[in-house]
Amino acid sequence: MFDVITFGSATRDMFVLSKDFKILDCGEFITGKGLCVPSGSKVYLEDVVFATGGGGTNAAATFANQGFKTAYVGKVGGDTGGQAIIEELKNLKVNTGFIVKADKLKTAYSVILSLPGAERTILVYRGACQDLNKNDISWRELKKTKWFYISGLSGKSAEIFEPIIDFAAENGIKIAVNPGESQIKMNLDRLQKILNKIDIFILNKEEATKLTCLPWNAEKEIFKQLDAWIKGIAVMTKGPDGVMVSDGREIYSAGIPKSKIIDRTGAGDAFGSGFVAGLMQAEEKLKSEQIIHAIQLGTANATSTVQRFGAKNGLLKKGNWGEWKKVEVKSYRI
């Protein structure tokens, strides 16, 4: 019997660090800025760091570190990258029996271009992880768990999002979802039916505004809409401004500790999975106490993660809260 089974991407990550990268203003990019290198010349690197990532495996690492019996469902290629992902998960004591190895596909790969003191740019090759289909999943074995944690599913894998939700609902499995772009862009009528089955729905503020079609600063209205759609708890992360959470009765909010930031890659996964792990740890407590504990653990986990390169390298282990005080959580009645 598992405590939690995670779904989502599995990637091989390479962090490339150089002081020679330049940030230039350019209206052709959606952010208004571009990370640039000189054409036709060599760019020297200060460091190259190899790690594994992907929402599904990052979440699995958090749950395993927090002492939960964890399994991961996903697909990797029949290459060295795929084997590296499997070996790392085994070392973390994550069950890898649900992982499909596709010999004819390449493992998903990300190259993270990082300039010290600036935002990073990620080059993404989606690879095998977007090819997971219904026939790849041992559905009968999935019944042996208490929770599903579903991170972003893209490509062909997006087609199994709804079947996974339905399966969990039919078998009394609790559901936490940290959606990807494919899920946010789903037909709203179809998505609303899915949201009504979800226990915890985690998204960032940009995703929340897109999903609800409400203005950026209309936070109360955003949560009013999310509460109407979601069966359980709605979580909205706000980057450096912290997080807001609604259980349909109260709004909880917290900031983030002051800390250095080496790299933000995986911070969202660390918070989302840390939040759910916190709820699981405090399930015997009052709901308000559960949510406060969950916010504090998710925040500590994300804060620790951004101190190091690699989405899994800074994840906290059970009982370790890092060097920062637990964040203060405020609440008010809706």
Protein backbone atom coordinates (compact mmCIF):
# COMPACT_ATOMS: atom_id res chain seq x y z
CA MET A 1 0.00 0.00 0.00
CA PHE A 2 1.40 3.39 -1.02
CA ASP A 3 0.78 6.67 0.72
CA VAL A 4 1.01 8.61 -2.54
CA ILE A 5 1.56 7.99 -6.25
CA THR A 6 2.77 10.85 -8.43
CA PHE A 7 2.19 11.49 -12.13
CA GLY A 8 3.96 13.91 -14.46
CA SER A 9 7.18 14.57 -16.31
CA ALA A 10 10.62 13.07 -15.75
CA THR A 11 13.54 14.99 -17.23
CA ARG A 12 17.31 15.03 -17.34
CA ASP A 13 18.48 18.57 -16.54
CA MET A 14 21.71 20.35 -17.38
CA PHE A 15 22.41 23.70 -15.71
CA VAL A 16 24.79 25.89 -17.74
CA LEU A 17 26.33 28.87 -15.89
CA SER A 18 28.15 31.73 -17.60
CA LYS A 19 28.90 35.36 -16.81
CA ASP A 20 29.11 35.92 -20.57
CA PHE A 21 25.34 35.55 -21.03
CA LYS A 22 23.75 38.98 -21.55
CA ILE A 23 20.25 40.22 -20.75
CA LEU A 24 19.05 42.62 -23.46
CA ASP A 25 15.80 44.55 -23.85
CA CYS A 26 13.89 43.25 -26.85
CA GLY A 27 10.22 43.72 -27.71
CA GLU A 28 10.20 40.53 -29.80
CA PHE A 29 10.17 38.42 -26.62
CA ILE A 30 7.04 38.03 -24.49
CA THR A 31 8.97 39.10 -21.38
CA GLY A 32 10.47 42.13 -23.14
CA LYS A 33 13.97 40.80 -22.48
CA GLY A 34 16.21 38.19 -24.03
CA LEU A 35 19.12 36.12 -22.75
CA CYS A 36 21.76 36.47 -25.47
CA VAL A 37 25.16 35.18 -26.54
CA PRO A 38 27.44 36.50 -29.30
CA SER A 39 26.89 34.77 -32.64
CA GLY A 40 29.85 32.96 -34.20
CA SER A 41 32.04 32.93 -31.09
CA LYS A 42 32.82 30.81 -28.05
CA VAL A 43 31.05 31.40 -24.75
CA TYR A 44 32.97 30.14 -21.73
CA LEU A 45 31.13 28.52 -18.85
CA GLU A 46 31.82 28.81 -15.12
CA ASP A 47 30.12 25.51 -14.34
CA VAL A 48 27.90 22.73 -15.69
CA VAL A 49 25.62 20.83 -13.28
CA PHE A 50 23.69 17.67 -14.17
CA ALA A 51 20.55 16.71 -12.27
CA THR A 52 17.10 15.23 -12.79
CA GLY A 53 13.83 17.12 -12.80
CA GLY A 54 10.25 17.05 -14.00
CA GLY A 55 7.13 17.73 -11.96
CA GLY A 56 6.27 14.08 -11.38
CA THR A 57 9.69 12.98 -10.12
CA ASN A 58 10.32 16.20 -8.16
CA ALA A 59 7.08 15.66 -6.24
CA ALA A 60 7.92 12.00 -5.66
CA ALA A 61 11.27 13.03 -4.17
CA THR A 62 9.57 15.39 -1.70
CA PHE A 63 7.09 12.77 -0.52
CA ALA A 64 9.82 10.14 -0.13
CA ASN A 65 12.02 12.59 1.79
CA GLN A 66 9.09 13.30 4.12
CA GLY A 67 8.85 9.62 4.97
CA PHE A 68 5.89 8.59 2.81
CA LYS A 69 5.77 5.36 0.83
CA THR A 70 5.84 6.77 -2.69
CA ALA A 71 5.64 5.59 -6.29
CA TYR A 72 6.03 7.45 -9.57
CA VAL A 73 4.13 6.82 -12.83
CA GLY A 74 5.75 8.09 -16.02
CA LYS A 75 7.71 7.30 -19.15
CA VAL A 76 11.41 7.66 -19.96
CA GLY A 77 13.52 6.76 -22.96
CA GLY A 78 15.70 3.71 -23.26
CA ASP A 79 18.84 5.84 -22.89
CA THR A 80 21.34 6.88 -20.22
CA GLY A 81 19.16 9.82 -19.21
CA GLY A 82 16.22 7.55 -18.49
CA GLN A 83 18.38 5.14 -16.52
CA ALA A 84 19.82 8.03 -14.48
CA ILE A 85 16.31 9.13 -13.52
CA ILE A 86 15.32 5.61 -12.45
CA GLU A 87 18.51 5.14 -10.42
CA GLU A 88 18.08 8.46 -8.62
CA LEU A 89 14.47 7.66 -7.72
CA LYS A 90 15.54 4.26 -6.40
CA ASN A 91 18.19 5.94 -4.26
CA LEU A 92 15.46 8.20 -2.88
CA LYS A 93 13.40 5.08 -2.07
CA VAL A 94 10.70 5.92 -4.64
CA ASN A 95 9.05 2.86 -6.19
CA THR A 96 9.91 2.81 -9.91
CA GLY A 97 7.82 -0.19 -10.91
CA PHE A 98 5.28 1.97 -12.76
CA ILE A 99 7.90 3.66 -14.99
CA VAL A 100 7.71 2.71 -18.67
CA LYS A 101 10.97 2.58 -20.66
CA ALA A 102 10.42 3.36 -24.35
CA ASP A 103 13.47 2.14 -26.24
CA LYS A 104 12.57 4.05 -29.41
CA LEU A 105 12.15 7.39 -27.61
CA LYS A 106 14.56 9.78 -25.95
CA THR A 107 14.19 10.88 -22.35
CA ALA A 108 12.94 14.44 -21.85
CA TYR A 109 15.78 16.93 -21.48
CA SER A 110 16.10 20.49 -20.23
CA VAL A 111 19.02 22.87 -20.57
CA ILE A 112 18.87 25.70 -18.04
CA LEU A 113 20.90 28.77 -19.06
CA SER A 114 21.74 30.69 -15.91
CA LEU A 115 23.32 34.12 -15.47
CA PRO A 116 24.31 34.88 -11.84
CA GLY A 117 21.88 37.34 -10.27
CA ALA A 118 19.39 37.13 -13.16
CA GLU A 119 16.49 34.99 -14.33
CA ARG A 120 17.25 31.71 -16.04
CA THR A 121 16.07 30.53 -19.46
CA ILE A 122 15.06 26.90 -19.93
CA LEU A 123 15.35 25.01 -23.22
CA VAL A 124 12.90 22.11 -23.12
CA TYR A 125 12.82 18.86 -25.10
CA ARG A 126 9.67 17.05 -23.93
CA GLY A 127 10.70 13.60 -25.14
CA ALA A 128 9.26 10.35 -23.81
CA CYS A 129 7.41 11.84 -20.82
CA GLN A 130 4.74 13.34 -23.10
CA ASP A 131 4.01 9.92 -24.64
CA LEU A 132 2.45 8.17 -21.62
CA ASN A 133 -0.91 6.61 -22.54
CA LYS A 134 -3.68 4.62 -20.84
CA ASN A 135 -2.21 1.28 -21.95
CA ASP A 136 1.08 2.10 -20.19
CA ILE A 137 -0.58 2.22 -16.77
CA SER A 138 -1.17 -0.73 -14.45
CA TRP A 139 -4.56 0.54 -13.32
CA ARG A 140 -5.35 -2.30 -10.92
CA GLU A 141 -2.14 -1.65 -8.98
CA LEU A 142 -2.95 2.06 -8.69
CA LYS A 143 -5.79 1.27 -6.28
CA LYS A 144 -3.21 0.54 -3.60
CA THR A 145 -2.69 4.12 -2.48
CA LYS A 146 -4.28 6.90 -0.43
CA TRP A 147 -3.32 9.88 -2.61
CA PHE A 148 -2.63 10.79 -6.24
CA TYR A 149 -0.44 13.83 -6.91
CA ILE A 150 -0.76 14.92 -10.55
CA SER A 151 1.59 17.52 -11.99
CA GLY A 152 1.50 18.92 -15.53
CA LEU A 153 0.81 16.43 -18.33
CA SER A 154 1.59 17.49 -21.91
CA GLY A 155 1.36 16.05 -25.42
CA LYS A 156 -0.29 12.63 -25.62
CA SER A 157 0.07 12.32 -21.85
CA ALA A 158 -2.48 15.11 -21.40
CA GLU A 159 -5.15 12.68 -22.67
CA ILE A 160 -4.85 10.57 -19.49
CA PHE A 161 -5.46 13.50 -17.12
CA GLU A 162 -9.22 13.02 -16.96
CA PRO A 163 -9.09 9.19 -16.78
CA ILE A 164 -6.68 9.43 -13.81
CA ILE A 165 -9.03 11.82 -12.00
CA ASP A 166 -12.06 9.62 -12.69
CA PHE A 167 -10.20 6.50 -11.55
CA ALA A 168 -9.20 8.15 -8.28
CA ALA A 169 -12.72 9.44 -7.61
CA GLU A 170 -14.22 6.01 -8.30
CA ASN A 171 -11.76 4.28 -5.96
CA GLY A 172 -11.81 6.69 -3.02
CA ILE A 173 -8.31 8.02 -3.65
CA LYS A 174 -7.65 11.63 -2.67
CA ILE A 175 -6.48 13.88 -5.50
CA ALA A 176 -4.00 16.76 -5.55
CA VAL A 177 -3.36 18.52 -8.85
CA ASN A 178 -0.64 20.99 -9.84
CA PRO A 179 -1.74 21.54 -13.47
CA GLY A 180 0.33 22.29 -16.53
CA GLU A 181 -0.44 24.43 -19.55
CA SER A 182 -2.46 21.70 -21.26
CA GLN A 183 -4.78 21.42 -18.27
CA ILE A 184 -5.22 25.20 -17.89
CA LYS A 185 -6.20 25.42 -21.57
CA MET A 186 -8.85 22.69 -21.37
CA ASN A 187 -12.45 23.42 -22.32
CA LEU A 188 -13.83 25.18 -19.25
CA ASP A 189 -17.07 23.16 -19.03
CA ARG A 190 -15.06 19.94 -19.14
CA LEU A 191 -12.50 21.21 -16.65
CA GLN A 192 -15.15 22.33 -14.16
CA LYS A 193 -16.50 18.76 -13.96
CA ILE A 194 -12.97 17.57 -13.18
CA LEU A 195 -12.31 20.28 -10.57
CA ASN A 196 -15.36 19.15 -8.63
CA LYS A 197 -13.52 15.88 -7.90
CA ILE A 198 -10.23 17.42 -6.76
CA ASP A 199 -9.22 17.69 -3.10
CA ILE A 200 -6.28 20.09 -3.57
CA PHE A 201 -5.77 22.32 -6.61
CA ILE A 202 -2.45 24.18 -6.77
CA LEU A 203 -1.65 26.85 -9.35
CA ASN A 204 0.33 30.04 -9.61
CA LYS A 205 -1.23 33.49 -9.89
CA GLU A 206 -0.71 33.75 -13.64
CA GLU A 207 -2.46 30.41 -14.15
CA ALA A 208 -5.28 31.45 -11.81
CA THR A 209 -5.95 34.65 -13.77
CA LYS A 210 -5.94 32.75 -17.07
CA LEU A 211 -8.27 30.05 -15.77
CA THR A 212 -10.80 32.41 -14.17
CA CYS A 213 -10.48 35.18 -16.80
CA LEU A 214 -10.27 37.71 -13.97
CA PRO A 215 -7.89 40.68 -13.49
CA TRP A 216 -4.47 40.15 -11.91
CA ASN A 217 -5.30 42.03 -8.71
CA ALA A 218 -8.80 40.59 -8.21
CA GLU A 219 -7.61 37.97 -5.72
CA LYS A 220 -10.85 37.73 -3.72
CA GLU A 221 -12.87 37.28 -6.90
CA ILE A 222 -10.38 34.68 -8.16
CA PHE A 223 -10.80 32.62 -5.01
CA LYS A 224 -14.57 33.02 -5.05
CA GLN A 225 -14.58 31.47 -8.52
CA LEU A 226 -12.10 28.71 -7.62
CA ASP A 227 -14.09 27.85 -4.48
CA ALA A 228 -17.22 27.46 -6.61
CA TRP A 229 -15.44 24.99 -8.90
CA ILE A 230 -13.20 22.98 -6.59
CA LYS A 231 -14.42 20.36 -4.14
CA GLY A 232 -11.56 20.91 -1.73
CA ILE A 233 -8.71 23.35 -1.14
CA ALA A 234 -7.54 26.00 -3.65
CA VAL A 235 -3.90 27.10 -3.48
CA MET A 236 -2.46 30.09 -5.37
CA THR A 237 1.28 30.71 -5.24
CA LYS A 238 2.52 34.25 -5.86
CA GLY A 239 6.28 33.87 -6.24
CA PRO A 240 8.15 36.36 -4.01
CA ASP A 241 4.78 37.49 -2.56
CA GLY A 242 4.13 34.10 -0.98
CA VAL A 243 0.91 32.10 -1.15
CA MET A 244 -2.85 32.27 -0.57
CA VAL A 245 -5.01 29.27 0.28
CA SER A 246 -8.79 28.87 0.54
CA ASP A 247 -10.73 26.02 2.09
CA GLY A 248 -14.04 27.61 1.10
CA ARG A 249 -14.51 29.13 4.57
CA GLU A 250 -11.28 30.99 5.27
CA ILE A 251 -8.43 32.53 3.29
CA TYR A 252 -4.92 31.81 4.58
CA SER A 253 -1.88 33.78 3.46
CA ALA A 254 1.86 33.81 4.11
CA GLY A 255 4.99 35.40 2.73
CA ILE A 256 8.38 33.77 2.15
CA PRO A 257 11.59 33.91 4.23
CA LYS A 258 14.38 36.24 3.22
CA SER A 259 17.04 34.04 1.66
CA LYS A 260 19.53 33.87 -1.13
CA ILE A 261 18.34 32.40 -4.42
CA ILE A 262 20.72 30.32 -6.52
CA ASP A 263 18.15 28.90 -8.94
CA ARG A 264 14.33 28.84 -8.93
CA THR A 265 13.99 25.67 -11.02
CA GLY A 266 11.66 23.25 -9.21
CA ALA A 267 10.48 25.75 -6.59
CA GLY A 268 6.84 25.38 -7.62
CA ASP A 269 7.05 21.58 -7.47
CA ALA A 270 8.76 21.79 -4.07
CA PHE A 271 6.02 24.00 -2.65
CA GLY A 272 3.11 22.03 -4.13
CA SER A 273 4.33 18.62 -3.02
CA GLY A 274 5.51 20.04 0.31
CA PHE A 275 2.06 21.53 0.90
CA VAL A 276 0.34 18.20 0.25
CA ALA A 277 2.91 16.35 2.38
CA GLY A 278 2.16 18.80 5.19
CA LEU A 279 -1.57 18.09 4.98
CA MET A 280 -0.87 14.36 5.03
CA GLN A 281 1.34 14.73 8.11
CA ALA A 282 -1.28 16.76 9.99
CA GLU A 283 -4.39 14.84 8.93
CA GLU A 284 -5.39 14.17 12.55
CA LYS A 285 -5.43 17.89 13.39
CA LEU A 286 -8.13 20.50 12.83
CA LYS A 287 -8.39 21.67 9.21
CA SER A 288 -7.03 25.12 10.05
CA GLU A 289 -4.00 23.56 11.74
CA GLN A 290 -3.50 21.24 8.77
CA ILE A 291 -3.44 24.13 6.32
CA ILE A 292 -1.08 26.23 8.44
CA HIS A 293 1.33 23.29 8.77
CA ALA A 294 1.05 22.59 5.03
CA ILE A 295 1.83 26.21 4.08
CA GLN A 296 4.82 26.27 6.41
CA LEU A 297 6.26 22.98 5.15
CA GLY A 298 5.66 23.83 1.47
CA THR A 299 7.31 27.23 1.92
CA ALA A 300 10.31 25.78 3.78
CA ASN A 301 10.75 23.08 1.13
CA ALA A 302 10.65 25.60 -1.74
CA THR A 303 12.99 28.00 0.08
CA SER A 304 15.51 25.23 0.61
CA THR A 305 15.28 24.11 -3.02
CA VAL A 306 16.25 27.47 -4.50
CA GLN A 307 19.52 27.46 -2.54
CA ARG A 308 21.04 24.87 -4.88
CA PHE A 309 21.12 23.91 -8.55
CA GLY A 310 18.93 20.92 -9.33
CA ALA A 311 15.25 20.64 -8.44
CA LYS A 312 15.80 17.77 -5.98
CA ASN A 313 19.13 18.67 -4.40
CA GLY A 314 17.75 21.08 -1.79
CA LEU A 315 14.56 19.25 -0.83
CA LEU A 316 14.06 18.91 2.92
CA LYS A 317 13.97 15.62 4.77
CA LYS A 318 11.39 14.79 7.44
CA GLY A 319 11.94 16.79 10.61
CA ASN A 320 14.31 19.28 8.96
CA TRP A 321 12.85 22.76 8.42
CA GLY A 322 16.01 24.40 7.11
CA GLU A 323 17.70 27.42 8.64
CA TRP A 324 14.66 29.71 8.42
CA LYS A 325 11.87 30.31 10.90
CA LYS A 326 8.47 28.93 9.98
CA VAL A 327 6.52 31.59 8.10
CA GLU A 328 3.66 33.34 9.87
CA VAL A 329 0.29 32.33 8.45
CA LYS A 330 -2.61 34.77 8.68
CA SER A 331 -6.25 33.99 8.00
CA TYR A 332 -9.62 35.65 7.71
CA ARG A 333 -13.18 34.44 7.21
CA ILE A 334 -14.49 34.67 3.67
